[in-house]
Protein backbone atom coordinates (compact mmCIF):
# COMPACT_ATOMS: atom_id res chain seq x y z
CA MET A 1 27.08 -13.86 -87.12
CA ALA A 2 28.41 -11.46 -89.74
CA ASP A 3 27.47 -11.87 -93.38
CA LEU A 4 30.43 -12.99 -95.45
CA THR A 5 31.15 -12.07 -99.05
CA GLN A 6 31.33 -14.82 -101.62
CA ARG A 7 35.10 -14.33 -101.81
CA GLN A 8 35.45 -14.67 -98.04
CA ILE A 9 33.28 -17.78 -98.08
CA LYS A 10 35.46 -19.35 -100.78
CA ILE A 11 38.65 -18.53 -98.87
CA LEU A 12 37.21 -19.86 -95.60
CA LYS A 13 36.19 -23.11 -97.33
CA CYS A 14 39.67 -23.56 -98.82
CA ILE A 15 41.38 -22.85 -95.49
CA ALA A 16 39.08 -25.24 -93.60
CA GLU A 17 39.64 -28.07 -96.08
CA GLU A 18 43.39 -27.49 -96.25
CA PHE A 19 43.62 -27.42 -92.46
CA ILE A 20 41.55 -30.59 -92.14
CA GLU A 21 43.83 -32.32 -94.64
CA THR A 22 47.22 -31.19 -93.36
CA ALA A 23 46.80 -30.25 -89.67
CA GLU A 24 48.94 -27.19 -90.45
CA PRO A 25 48.18 -23.46 -90.42
CA VAL A 26 47.33 -22.21 -93.90
CA GLY A 27 49.17 -19.31 -95.53
CA SER A 28 48.11 -16.99 -98.35
CA GLU A 29 50.90 -18.17 -100.66
CA ASN A 30 49.76 -21.77 -100.31
CA LEU A 31 46.16 -20.78 -101.11
CA GLU A 32 47.24 -18.81 -104.17
CA ARG A 33 49.41 -21.67 -105.42
CA LYS A 34 47.05 -24.57 -104.74
CA TYR A 35 43.59 -23.11 -105.30
CA ASN A 36 42.27 -21.21 -108.29
CA LEU A 37 40.98 -18.19 -106.38
CA GLY A 38 41.72 -15.68 -109.14
CA ILE A 39 43.12 -13.07 -106.74
CA SER A 40 46.58 -12.07 -105.57
CA SER A 41 48.33 -13.28 -102.45
CA ALA A 42 48.04 -9.76 -100.99
CA THR A 43 44.27 -9.75 -101.49
CA ILE A 44 44.04 -13.19 -99.90
CA ARG A 45 45.99 -11.90 -96.89
CA ASN A 46 43.62 -8.95 -96.55
CA GLU A 47 40.59 -11.24 -96.63
CA MET A 48 42.21 -13.61 -94.14
CA ALA A 49 42.79 -10.65 -91.82
CA ALA A 50 39.13 -9.70 -92.17
CA LEU A 51 38.01 -13.27 -91.43
CA THR A 52 40.28 -13.25 -88.38
CA GLN A 53 38.74 -10.03 -87.13
CA LEU A 54 35.26 -11.51 -87.63
CA GLY A 55 36.22 -14.57 -85.57
CA TYR A 56 36.29 -17.25 -88.28
CA LEU A 57 40.09 -17.63 -88.34
CA LYS A 58 42.86 -17.35 -85.79
CA LYS A 59 46.57 -16.71 -86.05
CA SER A 60 48.98 -19.55 -85.47
CA HIS A 61 51.62 -19.11 -82.79
CA LEU A 62 54.07 -21.08 -84.92
CA SER A 63 53.73 -19.46 -88.35
CA ALA A 64 52.14 -16.65 -90.31
CA GLY A 65 49.32 -18.96 -91.37
CA ARG A 66 45.77 -19.11 -90.11
CA CYS A 67 43.59 -21.89 -88.71
CA PRO A 68 39.79 -21.98 -88.52
CA THR A 69 38.29 -21.16 -85.13
CA SER A 70 35.43 -23.10 -83.60
CA MET A 71 33.05 -20.66 -85.30
CA GLY A 72 34.86 -21.07 -88.61
CA LEU A 73 34.68 -24.86 -88.51
CA LYS A 74 31.01 -24.78 -87.52
CA TYR A 75 30.27 -22.44 -90.43
CA TYR A 76 32.11 -24.84 -92.73
CA VAL A 77 30.16 -27.86 -91.45
CA ARG A 78 26.80 -26.14 -91.62
CA HIS A 79 27.10 -24.20 -94.88
CA LEU A 80 30.07 -25.28 -96.99
CA MET A 81 30.89 -28.96 -96.78
CA THR A 82 29.34 -31.70 -98.91
CA PRO A 83 28.42 -34.65 -96.63
CA LYS A 84 29.51 -38.12 -97.73
CA SER A 85 27.05 -40.64 -96.34
CA MET A 86 27.94 -44.23 -95.56
CA SER A 87 27.33 -46.68 -98.38
CA VAL A 88 24.27 -48.90 -98.16
CA SER A 89 26.51 -51.96 -97.82
CA ASP A 90 28.39 -50.36 -94.90
CA GLU A 91 25.11 -49.45 -93.20
CA ILE A 92 23.84 -53.01 -93.59
CA GLY A 93 27.16 -54.40 -92.32
CA VAL A 94 27.00 -52.32 -89.15
CA LYS A 95 23.36 -53.22 -88.56
CA GLU A 96 24.11 -56.93 -88.93
CA LYS A 97 26.92 -56.74 -86.36
CA VAL A 98 24.70 -55.27 -83.65
CA TRP A 99 21.33 -56.80 -84.56
CA ASP A 100 21.54 -59.72 -82.11
CA TYR A 101 21.73 -57.28 -79.17
CA ARG A 102 18.59 -55.31 -80.04
CA ASN A 103 16.73 -56.67 -76.99
CA GLU A 104 19.61 -56.00 -74.56
CA PHE A 105 19.97 -52.23 -74.60
CA GLU A 106 23.15 -51.90 -72.54
CA ARG A 107 24.93 -54.48 -74.68
CA LEU A 108 23.53 -52.89 -77.82
CA LEU A 109 24.85 -49.47 -76.80
CA LYS A 110 28.30 -50.88 -76.08
CA GLU A 111 28.47 -52.68 -79.42
CA VAL A 112 27.22 -49.63 -81.35
CA THR A 113 29.90 -47.52 -79.65
CA ARG A 114 32.56 -50.10 -80.50
CA GLU A 115 31.46 -50.18 -84.15
CA LEU A 116 31.40 -46.36 -84.34
CA ALA A 117 35.01 -46.27 -83.12
CA ALA A 118 36.03 -48.82 -85.73
CA LYS A 119 34.16 -47.11 -88.57
CA THR A 120 35.46 -43.59 -87.82
CA ARG A 121 38.91 -44.57 -86.48
CA SER A 122 38.22 -42.19 -83.60
CA LEU A 123 37.47 -42.39 -79.90
CA ALA A 124 33.74 -43.16 -79.71
CA ILE A 125 31.68 -42.26 -76.67
CA SER A 126 28.07 -42.84 -75.63
CA THR A 127 25.94 -42.04 -72.62
CA THR A 128 22.63 -43.06 -71.08
CA ASP A 129 20.16 -40.98 -69.10
CA GLN A 130 21.05 -43.16 -66.10
CA GLY A 131 24.50 -41.60 -65.99
CA ALA A 132 26.45 -44.41 -67.65
CA ILE A 133 29.18 -43.62 -70.15
CA TYR A 134 30.92 -46.01 -72.56
CA SER A 135 33.96 -45.44 -74.75
CA TYR A 136 35.99 -47.41 -77.27
CA GLY A 137 38.86 -46.68 -79.62
CA ALA A 138 41.18 -44.61 -77.42
CA SER A 139 44.20 -45.99 -79.31
CA ASN A 140 42.85 -44.42 -82.53
CA LEU A 141 43.76 -41.00 -81.15
CA LEU A 142 47.45 -41.83 -81.38
CA GLU A 143 47.24 -41.89 -85.17
CA GLU A 144 46.54 -38.14 -85.30
CA PRO A 145 49.29 -35.48 -85.00
CA GLU A 146 47.35 -33.48 -82.43
CA PHE A 147 47.64 -36.34 -79.97
CA TYR A 148 51.41 -36.64 -80.26
CA ASN A 149 51.26 -33.98 -77.53
CA ILE A 150 51.21 -36.06 -74.35
CA ASP A 151 49.32 -33.35 -72.44
CA VAL A 152 46.46 -33.41 -74.94
CA THR A 153 46.21 -37.20 -74.95
CA LYS A 154 46.53 -37.47 -71.19
CA THR A 155 43.75 -34.92 -70.69
CA VAL A 156 41.34 -36.72 -73.01
CA LEU A 157 42.04 -40.15 -71.53
CA SER A 158 41.76 -38.91 -67.95
CA LEU A 159 38.37 -37.38 -68.73
CA LEU A 160 37.03 -40.77 -69.80
CA ASP A 161 36.99 -41.59 -66.08
CA ASN A 162 35.05 -38.40 -65.36
CA PRO A 163 31.50 -38.81 -66.70
CA ALA A 164 30.45 -35.58 -65.00
CA PHE A 165 32.62 -33.58 -67.42
CA TRP A 166 30.87 -34.97 -70.51
CA PHE A 167 27.38 -34.61 -69.07
CA GLU A 168 28.19 -31.02 -68.09
CA ILE A 169 29.41 -29.92 -71.52
CA ILE A 170 26.51 -31.74 -73.20
CA SER A 171 24.01 -29.94 -70.98
CA LYS A 172 25.72 -26.59 -71.62
CA ALA A 173 25.88 -27.14 -75.37
CA GLY A 174 22.15 -27.52 -75.92
CA VAL A 175 21.17 -26.96 -79.53
CA ASP A 176 23.73 -25.03 -81.54
CA PRO A 177 21.79 -22.72 -83.88
CA ALA A 178 24.84 -22.50 -86.17
CA LEU A 179 24.34 -26.18 -86.99
CA ALA A 180 20.57 -26.37 -87.02
CA SER A 181 18.85 -27.56 -90.16
CA SER A 182 15.27 -28.22 -91.04
CA ALA A 183 15.87 -31.97 -90.76
CA GLU A 184 18.48 -32.89 -88.18
CA ILE A 185 20.81 -31.19 -85.74
CA ILE A 186 24.35 -32.45 -85.24
CA HIS A 187 26.12 -31.20 -82.15
CA LEU A 188 29.68 -29.99 -82.57
CA LEU A 189 32.00 -28.72 -79.85
CA VAL A 190 35.42 -27.63 -81.06
CA GLY A 191 38.53 -26.31 -79.33
CA GLU A 192 37.59 -23.49 -77.00
CA ASP A 193 34.04 -24.87 -76.72
CA LEU A 194 35.42 -27.70 -74.56
CA GLY A 195 36.63 -25.27 -71.91
CA MET A 196 40.09 -26.68 -71.20
CA GLU A 197 43.45 -25.55 -72.54
CA HIS A 198 44.69 -29.01 -73.49
CA LEU A 199 41.43 -29.77 -75.32
CA GLU A 200 41.78 -26.89 -77.78
CA PRO A 201 43.13 -29.18 -80.56
CA CYS A 202 40.11 -31.48 -80.09
CA GLY A 203 36.60 -31.80 -81.44
CA PHE A 204 33.55 -33.57 -80.06
CA ILE A 205 30.77 -34.48 -82.50
CA TYR A 206 27.65 -36.12 -81.15
CA GLN A 207 24.03 -36.82 -81.85
CA THR A 208 21.18 -37.62 -79.48
CA TYR A 209 19.21 -40.84 -79.59
CA GLN A 210 15.98 -42.05 -78.03
CA SER A 211 15.24 -45.75 -78.01
CA GLY A 212 12.07 -46.54 -76.10
CA PRO A 213 12.69 -45.34 -72.55
CA HIS A 214 16.42 -44.94 -73.21
CA ARG A 215 17.91 -41.57 -74.09
CA GLY A 216 21.45 -40.29 -74.43
CA ILE A 217 24.12 -39.32 -76.92
CA VAL A 218 26.52 -41.14 -79.20
CA GLY A 219 29.49 -39.47 -80.81
CA ILE A 220 33.21 -39.26 -81.35
CA ILE A 221 36.19 -37.37 -79.96
CA GLY A 222 39.06 -36.57 -82.28
CA PRO A 223 41.09 -33.68 -83.66
CA ALA A 224 39.30 -30.39 -84.29
CA ARG A 225 40.12 -30.82 -88.00
CA ILE A 226 38.44 -34.23 -88.26
CA HIS A 227 37.01 -35.21 -91.65
CA TYR A 228 33.55 -33.79 -91.04
CA GLN A 229 32.27 -34.77 -94.50
CA THR A 230 32.24 -38.43 -93.54
CA ILE A 231 32.14 -38.25 -89.73
CA VAL A 232 28.97 -36.15 -89.41
CA PRO A 233 26.77 -38.47 -91.54
CA THR A 234 28.28 -41.53 -89.83
CA VAL A 235 27.51 -40.26 -86.33
CA ASP A 236 24.00 -39.40 -87.49
CA TYR A 237 23.53 -42.92 -88.85
CA PHE A 238 24.65 -44.59 -85.64
CA ALA A 239 22.31 -42.41 -83.55
CA GLU A 240 19.44 -43.23 -85.88
CA LEU A 241 20.31 -46.92 -85.67
CA LEU A 242 20.16 -46.81 -81.86
CA SER A 243 16.84 -45.00 -82.04
CA THR A 244 15.22 -47.60 -84.29
CA ILE A 245 16.80 -50.99 -83.68
CA SER A 246 16.17 -51.58 -79.99
CA GLY A 247 13.20 -53.77 -79.19
C-alpha cells in the first residue's frame, strides 16, 4: 500500500464522505466549493488522478467524478473515519430485547440478527459453524439508490438462498490486514471483493463471534457507501453481545 501525502489523505477523506452521503461520483469543483482544502480545482484534479493511479479512486462511467474503490473505502474505515458507537441506552435496549433467549442459541441468533437489521436499517445476516444462515431486513435495501437497479437487488436476494456463497467469501476473506487494529478486526468486503458484477455497488461488513461451542459471523449487507461511522461499531457490538450473552 503506497504512502499517501497529507493532502491526498485529506482529499480521499472528503471524497469518501461525500460519496457516502450522496451516492454520486465526486468532482473536483464540488470539493473546491464545499470543502476548505486551500488548493485550486486543477490541483485537486491532479491529486485525484494520482489517487486513481494508486488504486484508491476510480473513474465513474457516468461523469467526470471519482468514487472510492474497495481499497479507498477500506483505507477510510481503518485510518480516517471517527467511529460513532451506540449509546448506552441503545445497547441496553437491544440487550433487553434478546435477553430471554440467552439459553436458546438458535433463537438468540435469529433475534440478534433481526435487531441488527432494525438498528442499521440494512439487510442483516448471520451464520453458524453448522452451516445455517439467517437473514432479516431485505426490504431495507429498497431504501437505498443502489438497489433501485433490479439486477443488483435480484442478485443479493437470490444469494440469500445460497449459503455456500457467503461461506465461500467469508473463508476467502480471512483477516484483512488493511482493517486490523490492536484491539478488534472488522471484516469489510466492498464492490469487487464480492466477485460478482451486480454486487459491485454493495458492501458486506461482518464480525466473528464465539459463544460457548457456537461460532460464526454476524453482519450486514448494504450499499458500498454505507455509513461506516455508525455501522462498524454497531456490528461490533452485536457480535460482542452474541459472544457474551449466551448461557
